[in-house]
C-alpha atoms as a PDB file:
ATOM      1  CA  MET A   1       0.000   0.000   0.000  1.00  0.00           C
ATOM      2  CA  PHE A   2       1.527   3.329  -1.081  1.00  0.00           C
ATOM      3  CA  GLU A   3       0.758   6.444   0.960  1.00  0.00           C
ATOM      4  CA  GLU A   4       1.776   9.321  -1.305  1.00  0.00           C
ATOM      5  CA  GLN A   5       1.346  12.011   1.354  1.00  0.00           C
ATOM      6  CA  GLN A   6       3.760  10.254   3.725  1.00  0.00           C
ATOM      7  CA  LYS A   7       5.998   8.898   0.912  1.00  0.00           C
ATOM      8  CA  VAL A   8       5.855   5.345   2.231  1.00  0.00           C
ATOM      9  CA  ILE A   9       4.913   1.887   1.002  1.00  0.00           C
ATOM     10  CA  SER A  10       3.696  -0.405   3.769  1.00  0.00           C
ATOM     11  CA  TYR A  11       4.450  -4.133   3.689  1.00  0.00           C
ATOM     12  CA  LYS A  12       3.874  -7.368   5.540  1.00  0.00           C
ATOM     13  CA  TRP A  13       1.507  -6.634   8.408  1.00  0.00           C
ATOM     14  CA  ASP A  14       2.007  -9.147  11.228  1.00  0.00           C
ATOM     15  CA  PRO A  15      -1.090  -9.428  13.459  1.00  0.00           C
ATOM     16  CA  ALA A  16       0.861 -11.185  16.227  1.00  0.00           C
ATOM     17  CA  SER A  17       3.292  -8.291  16.712  1.00  0.00           C
ATOM     18  CA  GLU A  18       0.822  -5.651  15.467  1.00  0.00           C
ATOM     19  CA  THR A  19       3.411  -4.150  13.157  1.00  0.00           C
ATOM     20  CA  GLY A  20       5.048  -4.602   9.780  1.00  0.00           C
ATOM     21  CA  TYR A  21       7.672  -2.933   7.611  1.00  0.00           C
ATOM     22  CA  ARG A  22       7.548   0.054   5.333  1.00  0.00           C
ATOM     23  CA  LEU A  23       9.767   1.667   2.749  1.00  0.00           C
ATOM     24  CA  ARG A  24      10.074   5.449   2.919  1.00  0.00           C
ATOM     25  CA  PHE A  25      11.402   7.562   0.072  1.00  0.00           C
ATOM     26  CA  ASP A  26      12.031  11.207   0.943  1.00  0.00           C
ATOM     27  CA  PRO A  27      14.882  12.882  -0.969  1.00  0.00           C
ATOM     28  CA  GLN A  28      14.113  16.363   0.412  1.00  0.00           C
ATOM     29  CA  LEU A  29      14.370  15.240   4.032  1.00  0.00           C
ATOM     30  CA  ALA A  30      17.509  13.264   3.244  1.00  0.00           C
ATOM     31  CA  GLN A  31      19.118  16.325   1.704  1.00  0.00           C
ATOM     32  CA  LEU A  32      18.237  18.495   4.708  1.00  0.00           C
ATOM     33  CA  ASN A  33      19.584  16.193   7.414  1.00  0.00           C
ATOM     34  CA  GLY A  34      22.200  14.147   5.567  1.00  0.00           C
ATOM     35  CA  GLN A  35      20.289  10.860   5.668  1.00  0.00           C
ATOM     36  CA  THR A  36      19.855   8.430   2.813  1.00  0.00           C
ATOM     37  CA  PRO A  37      16.791   8.899   0.562  1.00  0.00           C
ATOM     38  CA  PHE A  38      15.422   5.390   1.224  1.00  0.00           C
ATOM     39  CA  ARG A  39      14.622   4.061   4.681  1.00  0.00           C
ATOM     40  CA  VAL A  40      13.202   0.714   5.724  1.00  0.00           C
ATOM     41  CA  GLU A  41      11.259   1.230   8.945  1.00  0.00           C
ATOM     42  CA  ASP A  42       9.191  -0.736  11.388  1.00  0.00           C
ATOM     43  CA  TRP A  43       5.619   0.221  10.450  1.00  0.00           C
ATOM     44  CA  VAL A  44       4.317   0.980  13.938  1.00  0.00           C
ATOM     45  CA  HIS A  45       7.224   0.897  16.372  1.00  0.00           C
ATOM     46  CA  HIS A  46       9.770   2.809  14.289  1.00  0.00           C
ATOM     47  CA  ILE A  47      10.648   5.020  17.247  1.00  0.00           C
ATOM     48  CA  VAL A  48      11.941   2.122  19.346  1.00  0.00           C
ATOM     49  CA  ASN A  49      13.300  -0.170  16.619  1.00  0.00           C
ATOM     50  CA  ASN A  50      16.182   0.143  14.199  1.00  0.00           C
ATOM     51  CA  GLU A  51      15.691   1.751  10.849  1.00  0.00           C
ATOM     52  CA  TRP A  52      17.785   0.848   7.866  1.00  0.00           C
ATOM     53  CA  GLY A  53      19.086   3.760   5.803  1.00  0.00           C
ATOM     54  CA  CYS A  54      19.604   2.722   2.201  1.00  0.00           C
ATOM     55  CA  ALA A  55      21.504   4.595  -0.493  1.00  0.00           C
ATOM     56  CA  ASN A  56      19.377   3.266  -3.348  1.00  0.00           C
ATOM     57  CA  LEU A  57      16.312   1.224  -4.191  1.00  0.00           C
ATOM     58  CA  ASP A  58      18.252  -2.025  -4.697  1.00  0.00           C
ATOM     59  CA  GLU A  59      19.694  -1.800  -1.202  1.00  0.00           C
ATOM     60  CA  ALA A  60      16.271  -1.061   0.309  1.00  0.00           C
ATOM     61  CA  LEU A  61      14.652  -3.978  -1.504  1.00  0.00           C
ATOM     62  CA  GLY A  62      17.502  -6.193  -0.318  1.00  0.00           C
ATOM     63  CA  VAL A  63      16.804  -5.241   3.305  1.00  0.00           C
ATOM     64  CA  LEU A  64      13.087  -5.924   2.853  1.00  0.00           C
ATOM     65  CA  SER A  65      13.748  -9.301   1.232  1.00  0.00           C
ATOM     66  CA  ASP A  66      15.962 -10.226   4.200  1.00  0.00           C
ATOM     67  CA  LEU A  67      13.093  -9.427   6.582  1.00  0.00           C
ATOM     68  CA  PHE A  68      10.397 -11.367   4.712  1.00  0.00           C
ATOM     69  CA  ASN A  69       9.749 -13.148   1.426  1.00  0.00           C
ATOM     70  CA  LEU A  70       9.646 -10.535  -1.350  1.00  0.00           C
ATOM     71  CA  ASP A  71       9.930 -10.819  -5.121  1.00  0.00           C
ATOM     72  CA  VAL A  72      12.497  -8.040  -5.616  1.00  0.00           C
ATOM     73  CA  GLY A  73      12.065  -7.862  -9.411  1.00  0.00           C
ATOM     74  CA  GLU A  74       8.287  -7.577  -9.207  1.00  0.00           C
ATOM     75  CA  GLU A  75       8.481  -5.000  -6.429  1.00  0.00           C
ATOM     76  CA  ARG A  76      11.028  -2.920  -8.364  1.00  0.00           C
ATOM     77  CA  ARG A  77       8.648  -2.783 -11.366  1.00  0.00           C
ATOM     78  CA  ARG A  78       5.751  -1.772  -9.116  1.00  0.00           C
ATOM     79  CA  ILE A  79       7.727   1.005  -7.401  1.00  0.00           C
ATOM     80  CA  GLN A  80       8.994   2.470 -10.667  1.00  0.00           C
ATOM     81  CA  GLY A  81       5.496   3.831 -11.243  1.00  0.00           C
ATOM     82  CA  TRP A  82       5.966   6.507  -8.578  1.00  0.00           C
ATOM     83  CA  LEU A  83       9.743   6.803  -8.190  1.00  0.00           C
ATOM     84  CA  PRO A  84      11.377   9.748  -9.998  1.00  0.00           C
ATOM     85  CA  GLN A  85      13.060   8.640 -13.235  1.00  0.00           C
ATOM     86  CA  ARG A  86      16.570   9.672 -12.116  1.00  0.00           C
ATOM     87  CA  LEU A  87      16.419   7.183  -9.205  1.00  0.00           C
ATOM     88  CA  GLN A  88      15.098   4.157 -11.084  1.00  0.00           C
END
């Protein structure tokens, strides 16, 4: 599920832990505070859990595929619909 306003795609909701993972893309925020443009976050508990800063989409998809089963090629094609051309 892509939330354009928040610039995140949410993945893999786990009812037992009441959380999941999400991919955030925010190049403006990254430029302001020196972070990477892609971040893999815990969906609900991102304040208390680690976040993974990723330099590019391939790295972010790699982190997600390590956390749960994800078809990286299919997900890359899906994301390219909203990702700026220069970052694809």
